[in-house]
PDB file of N, CA and C in Angstrom:
ATOM      1  N   UNK A   1      -5.903  26.826 -14.634  1.00  0.00           N
ATOM      2  CA  UNK A   1      -5.684  25.611 -13.882  1.00  0.00           C
ATOM      3  C   UNK A   1      -6.972  24.822 -13.643  1.00  0.00           C
ATOM      4  N   UNK A   2      -7.968  24.942 -14.497  1.00  0.00           N
ATOM      5  CA  UNK A   2      -9.181  24.174 -14.238  1.00  0.00           C
ATOM      6  C   UNK A   2      -8.923  22.669 -14.255  1.00  0.00           C
ATOM      7  N   UNK A   3      -7.963  22.205 -15.058  1.00  0.00           N
ATOM      8  CA  UNK A   3      -7.699  20.764 -15.110  1.00  0.00           C
ATOM      9  C   UNK A   3      -7.155  20.273 -13.770  1.00  0.00           C
ATOM     10  N   UNK A   4      -6.238  21.016 -13.178  1.00  0.00           N
ATOM     11  CA  UNK A   4      -5.691  20.636 -11.878  1.00  0.00           C
ATOM     12  C   UNK A   4      -6.763  20.719 -10.797  1.00  0.00           C
ATOM     13  N   UNK A   5      -7.587  21.762 -10.851  1.00  0.00           N
ATOM     14  CA  UNK A   5      -8.679  21.893  -9.890  1.00  0.00           C
ATOM     15  C   UNK A   5      -9.611  20.686  -9.991  1.00  0.00           C
ATOM     16  N   UNK A   6      -9.997  20.333 -11.219  1.00  0.00           N
ATOM     17  CA  UNK A   6     -10.904  19.192 -11.418  1.00  0.00           C
ATOM     18  C   UNK A   6     -10.278  17.891 -10.936  1.00  0.00           C
ATOM     19  N   UNK A   7      -8.990  17.714 -11.250  1.00  0.00           N
ATOM     20  CA  UNK A   7      -8.289  16.515 -10.807  1.00  0.00           C
ATOM     21  C   UNK A   7      -8.281  16.426  -9.281  1.00  0.00           C
ATOM     22  N   UNK A   8      -7.920  17.515  -8.613  1.00  0.00           N
ATOM     23  CA  UNK A   8      -7.884  17.508  -7.154  1.00  0.00           C
ATOM     24  C   UNK A   8      -9.273  17.344  -6.547  1.00  0.00           C
ATOM     25  N   UNK A   9     -10.247  17.995  -7.148  1.00  0.00           N
ATOM     26  CA  UNK A   9     -11.618  17.889  -6.643  1.00  0.00           C
ATOM     27  C   UNK A   9     -12.106  16.440  -6.715  1.00  0.00           C
ATOM     28  N   UNK A  10     -11.903  15.811  -7.860  1.00  0.00           N
ATOM     29  CA  UNK A  10     -12.321  14.412  -8.031  1.00  0.00           C
ATOM     30  C   UNK A  10     -11.530  13.485  -7.109  1.00  0.00           C
ATOM     31  N   UNK A  11     -10.235  13.730  -7.005  1.00  0.00           N
ATOM     32  CA  UNK A  11      -9.391  12.916  -6.128  1.00  0.00           C
ATOM     33  C   UNK A  11      -9.833  13.054  -4.683  1.00  0.00           C
ATOM     34  N   UNK A  12     -10.093  14.285  -4.249  1.00  0.00           N
ATOM     35  CA  UNK A  12     -10.540  14.506  -2.872  1.00  0.00           C
ATOM     36  C   UNK A  12     -11.855  13.783  -2.587  1.00  0.00           C
ATOM     37  N   UNK A  13     -12.756  13.809  -3.539  1.00  0.00           N
ATOM     38  CA  UNK A  13     -14.045  13.143  -3.365  1.00  0.00           C
ATOM     39  C   UNK A  13     -13.845  11.640  -3.213  1.00  0.00           C
ATOM     40  N   UNK A  14     -13.029  11.051  -4.092  1.00  0.00           N
ATOM     41  CA  UNK A  14     -12.790   9.607  -4.023  1.00  0.00           C
ATOM     42  C   UNK A  14     -12.010   9.226  -2.764  1.00  0.00           C
ATOM     43  N   UNK A  15     -10.990  10.009  -2.419  1.00  0.00           N
ATOM     44  CA  UNK A  15     -10.218   9.725  -1.206  1.00  0.00           C
ATOM     45  C   UNK A  15     -11.101   9.801   0.032  1.00  0.00           C
ATOM     46  N   UNK A  16     -11.933  10.818   0.097  1.00  0.00           N
ATOM     47  CA  UNK A  16     -12.818  10.980   1.237  1.00  0.00           C
ATOM     48  C   UNK A  16     -13.741   9.770   1.369  1.00  0.00           C
ATOM     49  N   UNK A  17     -14.326   9.351   0.259  1.00  0.00           N
ATOM     50  CA  UNK A  17     -15.221   8.195   0.273  1.00  0.00           C
ATOM     51  C   UNK A  17     -14.476   6.938   0.732  1.00  0.00           C
ATOM     52  N   UNK A  18     -13.317   6.708   0.164  1.00  0.00           N
ATOM     53  CA  UNK A  18     -12.542   5.516   0.481  1.00  0.00           C
ATOM     54  C   UNK A  18     -12.076   5.531   1.936  1.00  0.00           C
ATOM     55  N   UNK A  19     -11.567   6.666   2.402  1.00  0.00           N
ATOM     56  CA  UNK A  19     -11.085   6.763   3.783  1.00  0.00           C
ATOM     57  C   UNK A  19     -12.240   6.672   4.779  1.00  0.00           C
ATOM     58  N   UNK A  20     -13.387   7.239   4.425  1.00  0.00           N
ATOM     59  CA  UNK A  20     -14.565   7.090   5.285  1.00  0.00           C
ATOM     60  C   UNK A  20     -14.946   5.620   5.401  1.00  0.00           C
ATOM     61  N   UNK A  21     -14.891   4.913   4.284  1.00  0.00           N
ATOM     62  CA  UNK A  21     -15.223   3.495   4.258  1.00  0.00           C
ATOM     63  C   UNK A  21     -14.235   2.692   5.096  1.00  0.00           C
ATOM     64  N   UNK A  22     -12.960   3.004   4.971  1.00  0.00           N
ATOM     65  CA  UNK A  22     -11.934   2.285   5.731  1.00  0.00           C
ATOM     66  C   UNK A  22     -12.072   2.574   7.215  1.00  0.00           C
ATOM     67  N   UNK A  23     -12.239   3.828   7.579  1.00  0.00           N
ATOM     68  CA  UNK A  23     -12.287   4.178   9.005  1.00  0.00           C
ATOM     69  C   UNK A  23     -13.588   3.720   9.663  1.00  0.00           C
ATOM     70  N   UNK A  24     -14.636   3.500   8.873  1.00  0.00           N
ATOM     71  CA  UNK A  24     -15.906   3.026   9.432  1.00  0.00           C
ATOM     72  C   UNK A  24     -15.852   1.535   9.751  1.00  0.00           C
ATOM     73  N   UNK A  25     -14.915   0.827   9.122  1.00  0.00           N
ATOM     74  CA  UNK A  25     -14.793  -0.607   9.361  1.00  0.00           C
ATOM     75  C   UNK A  25     -14.228  -0.857  10.749  1.00  0.00           C
ATOM     76  N   UNK A  26     -14.588  -2.009  11.266  1.00  0.00           N
ATOM     77  CA  UNK A  26     -13.997  -2.452  12.526  1.00  0.00           C
ATOM     78  C   UNK A  26     -12.508  -2.701  12.281  1.00  0.00           C
ATOM     79  N   UNK A  27     -11.673  -2.390  13.250  1.00  0.00           N
ATOM     80  CA  UNK A  27     -10.227  -2.511  13.047  1.00  0.00           C
ATOM     81  C   UNK A  27      -9.776  -3.924  12.730  1.00  0.00           C
ATOM     82  N   UNK A  28     -10.563  -4.917  13.129  1.00  0.00           N
ATOM     83  CA  UNK A  28     -10.165  -6.293  12.848  1.00  0.00           C
ATOM     84  C   UNK A  28     -10.331  -6.642  11.370  1.00  0.00           C
ATOM     85  N   UNK A  29     -11.104  -5.864  10.655  1.00  0.00           N
ATOM     86  CA  UNK A  29     -11.303  -6.144   9.242  1.00  0.00           C
ATOM     87  C   UNK A  29     -10.121  -5.620   8.430  1.00  0.00           C
ATOM     88  N   UNK A  30      -9.854  -6.288   7.374  1.00  0.00           N
ATOM     89  CA  UNK A  30      -8.722  -5.943   6.525  1.00  0.00           C
ATOM     90  C   UNK A  30      -9.198  -5.088   5.361  1.00  0.00           C
ATOM     91  N   UNK A  31      -8.399  -4.107   5.032  1.00  0.00           N
ATOM     92  CA  UNK A  31      -8.671  -3.289   3.865  1.00  0.00           C
ATOM     93  C   UNK A  31      -8.462  -4.168   2.640  1.00  0.00           C
ATOM     94  N   UNK A  32      -9.380  -4.077   1.705  1.00  0.00           N
ATOM     95  CA  UNK A  32      -9.296  -4.947   0.536  1.00  0.00           C
ATOM     96  C   UNK A  32      -8.217  -4.464  -0.426  1.00  0.00           C
ATOM     97  N   UNK A  33      -7.695  -5.379  -1.235  1.00  0.00           N
ATOM     98  CA  UNK A  33      -6.727  -4.967  -2.253  1.00  0.00           C
ATOM     99  C   UNK A  33      -7.323  -3.921  -3.206  1.00  0.00           C
ATOM    100  N   UNK A  34      -8.612  -4.022  -3.490  1.00  0.00           N
ATOM    101  CA  UNK A  34      -9.252  -3.049  -4.382  1.00  0.00           C
ATOM    102  C   UNK A  34      -9.228  -1.654  -3.760  1.00  0.00           C
ATOM    103  N   UNK A  35      -9.476  -1.576  -2.449  1.00  0.00           N
ATOM    104  CA  UNK A  35      -9.437  -0.275  -1.785  1.00  0.00           C
ATOM    105  C   UNK A  35      -8.026   0.313  -1.812  1.00  0.00           C
ATOM    106  N   UNK A  36      -7.030  -0.522  -1.539  1.00  0.00           N
ATOM    107  CA  UNK A  36      -5.653  -0.034  -1.554  1.00  0.00           C
ATOM    108  C   UNK A  36      -5.248   0.368  -2.970  1.00  0.00           C
ATOM    109  N   UNK A  37      -5.692  -0.389  -3.957  1.00  0.00           N
ATOM    110  CA  UNK A  37      -5.383  -0.065  -5.341  1.00  0.00           C
ATOM    111  C   UNK A  37      -6.006   1.276  -5.742  1.00  0.00           C
ATOM    112  N   UNK A  38      -7.244   1.491  -5.318  1.00  0.00           N
ATOM    113  CA  UNK A  38      -7.923   2.751  -5.607  1.00  0.00           C
ATOM    114  C   UNK A  38      -7.192   3.923  -4.961  1.00  0.00           C
ATOM    115  N   UNK A  39      -6.823   3.753  -3.702  1.00  0.00           N
ATOM    116  CA  UNK A  39      -6.085   4.809  -3.005  1.00  0.00           C
ATOM    117  C   UNK A  39      -4.780   5.117  -3.728  1.00  0.00           C
ATOM    118  N   UNK A  40      -4.036   4.076  -4.060  1.00  0.00           N
ATOM    119  CA  UNK A  40      -2.744   4.277  -4.711  1.00  0.00           C
ATOM    120  C   UNK A  40      -2.892   4.947  -6.064  1.00  0.00           C
ATOM    121  N   UNK A  41      -3.845   4.497  -6.870  1.00  0.00           N
ATOM    122  CA  UNK A  41      -3.994   5.097  -8.201  1.00  0.00           C
ATOM    123  C   UNK A  41      -4.430   6.559  -8.099  1.00  0.00           C
ATOM    124  N   UNK A  42      -5.301   6.878  -7.131  1.00  0.00           N
ATOM    125  CA  UNK A  42      -5.709   8.271  -6.937  1.00  0.00           C
ATOM    126  C   UNK A  42      -4.528   9.132  -6.512  1.00  0.00           C
ATOM    127  N   UNK A  43      -3.729   8.625  -5.594  1.00  0.00           N
ATOM    128  CA  UNK A  43      -2.567   9.382  -5.128  1.00  0.00           C
ATOM    129  C   UNK A  43      -1.543   9.576  -6.248  1.00  0.00           C
ATOM    130  N   UNK A  44      -1.319   8.533  -7.030  1.00  0.00           N
ATOM    131  CA  UNK A  44      -0.372   8.650  -8.148  1.00  0.00           C
ATOM    132  C   UNK A  44      -0.864   9.633  -9.205  1.00  0.00           C
ATOM    133  N   UNK A  45      -2.154   9.593  -9.509  1.00  0.00           N
ATOM    134  CA  UNK A  45      -2.713  10.510 -10.508  1.00  0.00           C
ATOM    135  C   UNK A  45      -2.624  11.956 -10.023  1.00  0.00           C
ATOM    136  N   UNK A  46      -2.964  12.185  -8.760  1.00  0.00           N
ATOM    137  CA  UNK A  46      -2.890  13.549  -8.224  1.00  0.00           C
ATOM    138  C   UNK A  46      -1.443  14.032  -8.198  1.00  0.00           C
ATOM    139  N   UNK A  47      -0.530  13.159  -7.789  1.00  0.00           N
ATOM    140  CA  UNK A  47       0.881  13.529  -7.770  1.00  0.00           C
ATOM    141  C   UNK A  47       1.403  13.860  -9.157  1.00  0.00           C
ATOM    142  N   UNK A  48       1.017  13.057 -10.145  1.00  0.00           N
ATOM    143  CA  UNK A  48       1.441  13.323 -11.523  1.00  0.00           C
ATOM    144  C   UNK A  48       0.868  14.647 -12.019  1.00  0.00           C
ATOM    145  N   UNK A  49      -0.395  14.895 -11.693  1.00  0.00           N
ATOM    146  CA  UNK A  49      -1.020  16.157 -12.102  1.00  0.00           C
ATOM    147  C   UNK A  49      -0.337  17.359 -11.464  1.00  0.00           C
ATOM    148  N   UNK A  50       0.004  17.241 -10.208  1.00  0.00           N
ATOM    149  CA  UNK A  50       0.685  18.350  -9.521  1.00  0.00           C
ATOM    150  C   UNK A  50       2.083  18.571 -10.085  1.00  0.00           C
ATOM    151  N   UNK A  51       2.801  17.486 -10.370  1.00  0.00           N
ATOM    152  CA  UNK A  51       4.139  17.638 -10.959  1.00  0.00           C
ATOM    153  C   UNK A  51       4.064  18.217 -12.363  1.00  0.00           C
ATOM    154  N   UNK A  52       3.111  17.726 -13.138  1.00  0.00           N
ATOM    155  CA  UNK A  52       2.989  18.146 -14.536  1.00  0.00           C
ATOM    156  C   UNK A  52       2.554  19.606 -14.661  1.00  0.00           C
ATOM    157  N   UNK A  53       1.547  19.992 -13.897  1.00  0.00           N
ATOM    158  CA  UNK A  53       0.976  21.326 -14.060  1.00  0.00           C
ATOM    159  C   UNK A  53       1.548  22.337 -13.090  1.00  0.00           C
ATOM    160  N   UNK A  54       2.104  21.867 -11.995  1.00  0.00           N
ATOM    161  CA  UNK A  54       2.659  22.787 -11.010  1.00  0.00           C
ATOM    162  C   UNK A  54       1.576  23.624 -10.357  1.00  0.00           C
ATOM    163  N   UNK A  55       1.984  24.377  -9.374  1.00  0.00           N
ATOM    164  CA  UNK A  55       1.048  25.254  -8.686  1.00  0.00           C
ATOM    165  C   UNK A  55       0.971  26.597  -9.389  1.00  0.00           C
ATOM    166  N   UNK A  56      -0.200  27.203  -9.403  1.00  0.00           N
ATOM    167  CA  UNK A  56      -0.345  28.488 -10.094  1.00  0.00           C
ATOM    168  C   UNK A  56       0.361  29.595  -9.321  1.00  0.00           C
ATOM    169  N   UNK A  57       0.816  30.587 -10.068  1.00  0.00           N
ATOM    170  CA  UNK A  57       1.469  31.740  -9.447  1.00  0.00           C
ATOM    171  C   UNK A  57       0.433  32.668  -8.824  1.00  0.00           C
ATOM    172  N   UNK A  58      -0.733  32.764  -9.457  1.00  0.00           N
ATOM    173  CA  UNK A  58      -1.770  33.655  -8.928  1.00  0.00           C
ATOM    174  C   UNK A  58      -2.500  32.994  -7.762  1.00  0.00           C
ATOM    175  N   UNK A  59      -3.248  33.778  -7.041  1.00  0.00           N
ATOM    176  CA  UNK A  59      -4.000  33.276  -5.891  1.00  0.00           C
ATOM    177  C   UNK A  59      -5.368  32.802  -6.332  1.00  0.00           C
ATOM    178  N   UNK A  60      -5.468  31.532  -6.630  1.00  0.00           N
ATOM    179  CA  UNK A  60      -6.735  30.912  -7.005  1.00  0.00           C
ATOM    180  C   UNK A  60      -7.306  30.277  -5.739  1.00  0.00           C
ATOM    181  N   UNK A  61      -8.287  30.933  -5.158  1.00  0.00           N
ATOM    182  CA  UNK A  61      -8.842  30.483  -3.869  1.00  0.00           C
ATOM    183  C   UNK A  61      -9.456  29.088  -3.958  1.00  0.00           C
ATOM    184  N   UNK A  62     -10.147  28.806  -5.052  1.00  0.00           N
ATOM    185  CA  UNK A  62     -10.767  27.491  -5.192  1.00  0.00           C
ATOM    186  C   UNK A  62      -9.705  26.390  -5.256  1.00  0.00           C
ATOM    187  N   UNK A  63      -8.639  26.646  -6.026  1.00  0.00           N
ATOM    188  CA  UNK A  63      -7.563  25.667  -6.125  1.00  0.00           C
ATOM    189  C   UNK A  63      -6.856  25.515  -4.774  1.00  0.00           C
ATOM    190  N   UNK A  64      -6.619  26.616  -4.099  1.00  0.00           N
ATOM    191  CA  UNK A  64      -6.002  26.557  -2.775  1.00  0.00           C
ATOM    192  C   UNK A  64      -6.867  25.762  -1.804  1.00  0.00           C
ATOM    193  N   UNK A  65      -8.166  25.921  -1.906  1.00  0.00           N
ATOM    194  CA  UNK A  65      -9.087  25.166  -1.061  1.00  0.00           C
ATOM    195  C   UNK A  65      -9.003  23.670  -1.361  1.00  0.00           C
ATOM    196  N   UNK A  66      -8.936  23.308  -2.633  1.00  0.00           N
ATOM    197  CA  UNK A  66      -8.814  21.894  -3.012  1.00  0.00           C
ATOM    198  C   UNK A  66      -7.474  21.330  -2.560  1.00  0.00           C
ATOM    199  N   UNK A  67      -6.404  22.131  -2.670  1.00  0.00           N
ATOM    200  CA  UNK A  67      -5.095  21.682  -2.202  1.00  0.00           C
ATOM    201  C   UNK A  67      -5.114  21.448  -0.688  1.00  0.00           C
ATOM    202  N   UNK A  68      -5.768  22.331   0.052  1.00  0.00           N
ATOM    203  CA  UNK A  68      -5.883  22.164   1.504  1.00  0.00           C
ATOM    204  C   UNK A  68      -6.685  20.910   1.833  1.00  0.00           C
ATOM    205  N   UNK A  69      -7.747  20.668   1.093  1.00  0.00           N
ATOM    206  CA  UNK A  69      -8.549  19.464   1.309  1.00  0.00           C
ATOM    207  C   UNK A  69      -7.742  18.219   0.974  1.00  0.00           C
ATOM    208  N   UNK A  70      -6.956  18.267  -0.093  1.00  0.00           N
ATOM    209  CA  UNK A  70      -6.099  17.146  -0.474  1.00  0.00           C
ATOM    210  C   UNK A  70      -5.115  16.844   0.662  1.00  0.00           C
ATOM    211  N   UNK A  71      -4.546  17.888   1.223  1.00  0.00           N
ATOM    212  CA  UNK A  71      -3.609  17.715   2.339  1.00  0.00           C
ATOM    213  C   UNK A  71      -4.324  17.058   3.536  1.00  0.00           C
ATOM    214  N   UNK A  72      -5.542  17.471   3.824  1.00  0.00           N
ATOM    215  CA  UNK A  72      -6.304  16.864   4.925  1.00  0.00           C
ATOM    216  C   UNK A  72      -6.555  15.378   4.664  1.00  0.00           C
ATOM    217  N   UNK A  73      -6.867  15.045   3.423  1.00  0.00           N
ATOM    218  CA  UNK A  73      -7.112  13.643   3.086  1.00  0.00           C
ATOM    219  C   UNK A  73      -5.824  12.815   3.241  1.00  0.00           C
ATOM    220  N   UNK A  74      -4.706  13.382   2.827  1.00  0.00           N
ATOM    221  CA  UNK A  74      -3.420  12.688   2.957  1.00  0.00           C
ATOM    222  C   UNK A  74      -3.084  12.494   4.439  1.00  0.00           C
ATOM    223  N   UNK A  75      -3.368  13.486   5.253  1.00  0.00           N
ATOM    224  CA  UNK A  75      -3.128  13.371   6.694  1.00  0.00           C
ATOM    225  C   UNK A  75      -4.042  12.314   7.317  1.00  0.00           C
ATOM    226  N   UNK A  76      -5.281  12.230   6.856  1.00  0.00           N
ATOM    227  CA  UNK A  76      -6.194  11.176   7.326  1.00  0.00           C
ATOM    228  C   UNK A  76      -5.629   9.803   6.982  1.00  0.00           C
ATOM    229  N   UNK A  77      -5.137   9.665   5.754  1.00  0.00           N
ATOM    230  CA  UNK A  77      -4.551   8.397   5.334  1.00  0.00           C
ATOM    231  C   UNK A  77      -3.342   8.069   6.200  1.00  0.00           C
ATOM    232  N   UNK A  78      -2.502   9.052   6.443  1.00  0.00           N
ATOM    233  CA  UNK A  78      -1.322   8.842   7.291  1.00  0.00           C
ATOM    234  C   UNK A  78      -1.744   8.348   8.680  1.00  0.00           C
ATOM    235  N   UNK A  79      -2.810   8.919   9.214  1.00  0.00           N
ATOM    236  CA  UNK A  79      -3.291   8.516  10.535  1.00  0.00           C
ATOM    237  C   UNK A  79      -3.897   7.105  10.531  1.00  0.00           C
ATOM    238  N   UNK A  80      -4.458   6.693   9.394  1.00  0.00           N
ATOM    239  CA  UNK A  80      -5.063   5.362   9.291  1.00  0.00           C
ATOM    240  C   UNK A  80      -4.047   4.260   8.980  1.00  0.00           C
ATOM    241  N   UNK A  81      -2.901   4.614   8.437  1.00  0.00           N
ATOM    242  CA  UNK A  81      -1.937   3.602   8.006  1.00  0.00           C
ATOM    243  C   UNK A  81      -1.504   2.650   9.127  1.00  0.00           C
ATOM    244  N   UNK A  82      -1.242   3.120  10.352  1.00  0.00           N
ATOM    245  CA  UNK A  82      -0.867   2.151  11.399  1.00  0.00           C
ATOM    246  C   UNK A  82      -1.957   1.116  11.675  1.00  0.00           C
ATOM    247  N   UNK A  83      -3.217   1.522  11.685  1.00  0.00           N
ATOM    248  CA  UNK A  83      -4.282   0.541  11.937  1.00  0.00           C
ATOM    249  C   UNK A  83      -4.442  -0.398  10.738  1.00  0.00           C
ATOM    250  N   UNK A  84      -4.246   0.111   9.540  1.00  0.00           N
ATOM    251  CA  UNK A  84      -4.287  -0.754   8.351  1.00  0.00           C
ATOM    252  C   UNK A  84      -3.151  -1.774   8.438  1.00  0.00           C
ATOM    253  N   UNK A  85      -1.972  -1.313   8.821  1.00  0.00           N
ATOM    254  CA  UNK A  85      -0.818  -2.193   8.941  1.00  0.00           C
ATOM    255  C   UNK A  85      -1.071  -3.285   9.991  1.00  0.00           C
ATOM    256  N   UNK A  86      -1.614  -2.900  11.154  1.00  0.00           N
ATOM    257  CA  UNK A  86      -1.914  -3.884  12.198  1.00  0.00           C
ATOM    258  C   UNK A  86      -2.928  -4.913  11.697  1.00  0.00           C
ATOM    259  N   UNK A  87      -3.948  -4.444  11.002  1.00  0.00           N
ATOM    260  CA  UNK A  87      -4.971  -5.362  10.488  1.00  0.00           C
ATOM    261  C   UNK A  87      -4.372  -6.324   9.466  1.00  0.00           C
ATOM    262  N   UNK A  88      -3.486  -5.832   8.623  1.00  0.00           N
ATOM    263  CA  UNK A  88      -2.847  -6.700   7.627  1.00  0.00           C
ATOM    264  C   UNK A  88      -1.923  -7.717   8.290  1.00  0.00           C
ATOM    265  N   UNK A  89      -1.194  -7.304   9.331  1.00  0.00           N
ATOM    266  CA  UNK A  89      -0.345  -8.250  10.057  1.00  0.00           C
ATOM    267  C   UNK A  89      -1.186  -9.324  10.735  1.00  0.00           C
ATOM    268  N   UNK A  90      -2.316  -8.928  11.322  1.00  0.00           N
ATOM    269  CA  UNK A  90      -3.200  -9.897  11.958  1.00  0.00           C
ATOM    270  C   UNK A  90      -3.772 -10.868  10.919  1.00  0.00           C
ATOM    271  N   UNK A  91      -4.131 -10.349   9.761  1.00  0.00           N
ATOM    272  CA  UNK A  91      -4.659 -11.211   8.697  1.00  0.00           C
ATOM    273  C   UNK A  91      -3.586 -12.174   8.207  1.00  0.00           C
ATOM    274  N   UNK A  92      -2.350 -11.699   8.080  1.00  0.00           N
ATOM    275  CA  UNK A  92      -1.259 -12.582   7.659  1.00  0.00           C
ATOM    276  C   UNK A  92      -1.046 -13.694   8.689  1.00  0.00           C
ATOM    277  N   UNK A  93      -1.103 -13.358   9.983  1.00  0.00           N
ATOM    278  CA  UNK A  93      -0.949 -14.362  11.031  1.00  0.00           C
ATOM    279  C   UNK A  93      -2.099 -15.370  10.979  1.00  0.00           C
ATOM    280  N   UNK A  94      -3.322 -14.892  10.743  1.00  0.00           N
ATOM    281  CA  UNK A  94      -4.471 -15.789  10.641  1.00  0.00           C
ATOM    282  C   UNK A  94      -4.311 -16.743   9.463  1.00  0.00           C
ATOM    283  N   UNK A  95      -3.871 -16.226   8.339  1.00  0.00           N
ATOM    284  CA  UNK A  95      -3.682 -17.063   7.143  1.00  0.00           C
ATOM    285  C   UNK A  95      -2.568 -18.080   7.382  1.00  0.00           C
ATOM    286  N   UNK A  96      -1.491 -17.656   8.027  1.00  0.00           N
ATOM    287  CA  UNK A  96      -0.386 -18.573   8.319  1.00  0.00           C
ATOM    288  C   UNK A  96      -0.841 -19.680   9.263  1.00  0.00           C
ATOM    289  N   UNK A  97      -1.630 -19.337  10.274  1.00  0.00           N
ATOM    290  CA  UNK A  97      -2.146 -20.349  11.195  1.00  0.00           C
ATOM    291  C   UNK A  97      -3.058 -21.335  10.452  1.00  0.00           C
ATOM    292  N   UNK A  98      -3.879 -20.824   9.560  1.00  0.00           N
ATOM    293  CA  UNK A  98      -4.764 -21.683   8.763  1.00  0.00           C
ATOM    294  C   UNK A  98      -3.941 -22.591   7.851  1.00  0.00           C
ATOM    295  N   UNK A  99      -2.893 -22.066   7.260  1.00  0.00           N
ATOM    296  CA  UNK A  99      -2.018 -22.867   6.397  1.00  0.00           C
ATOM    297  C   UNK A  99      -1.362 -23.985   7.200  1.00  0.00           C
ATOM    298  N   UNK A 100      -0.920 -23.678   8.411  1.00  0.00           N
ATOM    299  CA  UNK A 100      -0.294 -24.684   9.267  1.00  0.00           C
ATOM    300  C   UNK A 100      -1.293 -25.774   9.630  1.00  0.00           C
ATOM    301  N   UNK A 101      -2.532 -25.387   9.952  1.00  0.00           N
ATOM    302  CA  UNK A 101      -3.564 -26.385  10.260  1.00  0.00           C
ATOM    303  C   UNK A 101      -3.843 -27.284   9.045  1.00  0.00           C
ATOM    304  N   UNK A 102      -3.935 -26.686   7.885  1.00  0.00           N
ATOM    305  CA  UNK A 102      -4.191 -27.476   6.675  1.00  0.00           C
ATOM    306  C   UNK A 102      -3.027 -28.416   6.371  1.00  0.00           C
ATOM    307  N   UNK A 103      -1.819 -27.924   6.576  1.00  0.00           N
ATOM    308  CA  UNK A 103      -0.645 -28.754   6.334  1.00  0.00           C
ATOM    309  C   UNK A 103      -0.640 -29.944   7.304  1.00  0.00           C
ATOM    310  N   UNK A 104      -0.972 -29.689   8.574  1.00  0.00           N
ATOM    311  CA  UNK A 104      -1.034 -30.775   9.566  1.00  0.00           C
ATOM    312  C   UNK A 104      -2.115 -31.782   9.201  1.00  0.00           C
ATOM    313  N   UNK A 105      -3.270 -31.302   8.778  1.00  0.00           N
ATOM    314  CA  UNK A 105      -4.357 -32.198   8.381  1.00  0.00           C
ATOM    315  C   UNK A 105      -3.952 -33.031   7.169  1.00  0.00           C
ATOM    316  N   UNK A 106      -3.259 -32.420   6.239  1.00  0.00           N
ATOM    317  CA  UNK A 106      -2.811 -33.133   5.045  1.00  0.00           C
ATOM    318  C   UNK A 106      -1.804 -34.217   5.413  1.00  0.00           C
ATOM    319  N   UNK A 107      -0.891 -33.900   6.298  1.00  0.00           N
ATOM    320  CA  UNK A 107       0.092 -34.900   6.744  1.00  0.00           C
ATOM    321  C   UNK A 107      -0.596 -36.042   7.490  1.00  0.00           C
ATOM    322  N   UNK A 108      -1.586 -35.725   8.309  1.00  0.00           N
ATOM    323  CA  UNK A 108      -2.329 -36.744   9.028  1.00  0.00           C
ATOM    324  C   UNK A 108      -3.047 -37.673   8.053  1.00  0.00           C
ATOM    325  N   UNK A 109      -3.650 -37.070   7.005  1.00  0.00           N
ATOM    326  CA  UNK A 109      -4.349 -37.883   6.008  1.00  0.00           C
ATOM    327  C   UNK A 109      -3.379 -38.810   5.284  1.00  0.00           C
ATOM    328  N   UNK A 110      -2.205 -38.305   4.930  1.00  0.00           N
ATOM    329  CA  UNK A 110      -1.213 -39.140   4.259  1.00  0.00           C
ATOM    330  C   UNK A 110      -0.784 -40.306   5.151  1.00  0.00           C
ATOM    331  N   UNK A 111      -0.559 -39.989   6.421  1.00  0.00           N
ATOM    332  CA  UNK A 111      -0.156 -41.046   7.364  1.00  0.00           C
ATOM    333  C   UNK A 111      -1.273 -42.041   7.556  1.00  0.00           C
ATOM    334  N   UNK A 112      -2.513 -41.601   7.596  1.00  0.00           N
ATOM    335  CA  UNK A 112      -3.666 -42.484   7.759  1.00  0.00           C
ATOM    336  C   UNK A 112      -3.805 -43.429   6.572  1.00  0.00           C
ATOM    337  N   UNK A 113      -3.557 -42.964   5.390  1.00  0.00           N
ATOM    338  CA  UNK A 113      -3.673 -43.793   4.186  1.00  0.00           C
ATOM    339  C   UNK A 113      -2.608 -44.903   4.194  1.00  0.00           C
ATOM    340  N   UNK A 114      -1.440 -44.566   4.699  1.00  0.00           N
ATOM    341  CA  UNK A 114      -0.347 -45.553   4.728  1.00  0.00           C
ATOM    342  C   UNK A 114      -0.648 -46.670   5.709  1.00  0.00           C
ATOM    343  N   UNK A 115      -1.369 -46.380   6.782  1.00  0.00           N
ATOM    344  CA  UNK A 115      -1.682 -47.420   7.759  1.00  0.00           C
ATOM    345  C   UNK A 115      -2.820 -48.318   7.322  1.00  0.00           C
ATOM    346  N   UNK A 116      -3.614 -47.877   6.369  1.00  0.00           N
ATOM    347  CA  UNK A 116      -4.740 -48.690   5.885  1.00  0.00           C
ATOM    348  C   UNK A 116      -4.197 -49.676   4.915  1.00  0.00           C
TER     349      UNK A 116
END
C-alpha cells in the first residue's frame, strides 16, 4: 500500500497547509476560489484512492497513522465550514450592495443626460 500511503501523506500535507492558511485569516476575509478548488481536488483524489485501493487487511501502522491524520484534517475542515459559509454570505451581501449602488449611479447618469 505504498501508493495509498503516499497519496494520504501528500494530501494531509496539502490539507494542513491550506487549512492553516484559511484558519489564520481574519473571519471577514473570504476563502479564495483557488483555495476551495485545491481543497476539493485533494479530497476527491484521496477519496478516489481510498475507494480504488481500499484499506489493507494487515496492520500497517504508518498507513493507519496517515488515515488518522486525514480524519483530523477532515474534522478541521468540518469545523471551519460554518465560518467559511458566513464569510461567503457576507461577501455576497457586499457584492449585492455594490451592484445596487452601481445600478443607482447608472440610472442617475442616464436621467442626468436626458435633462441636459
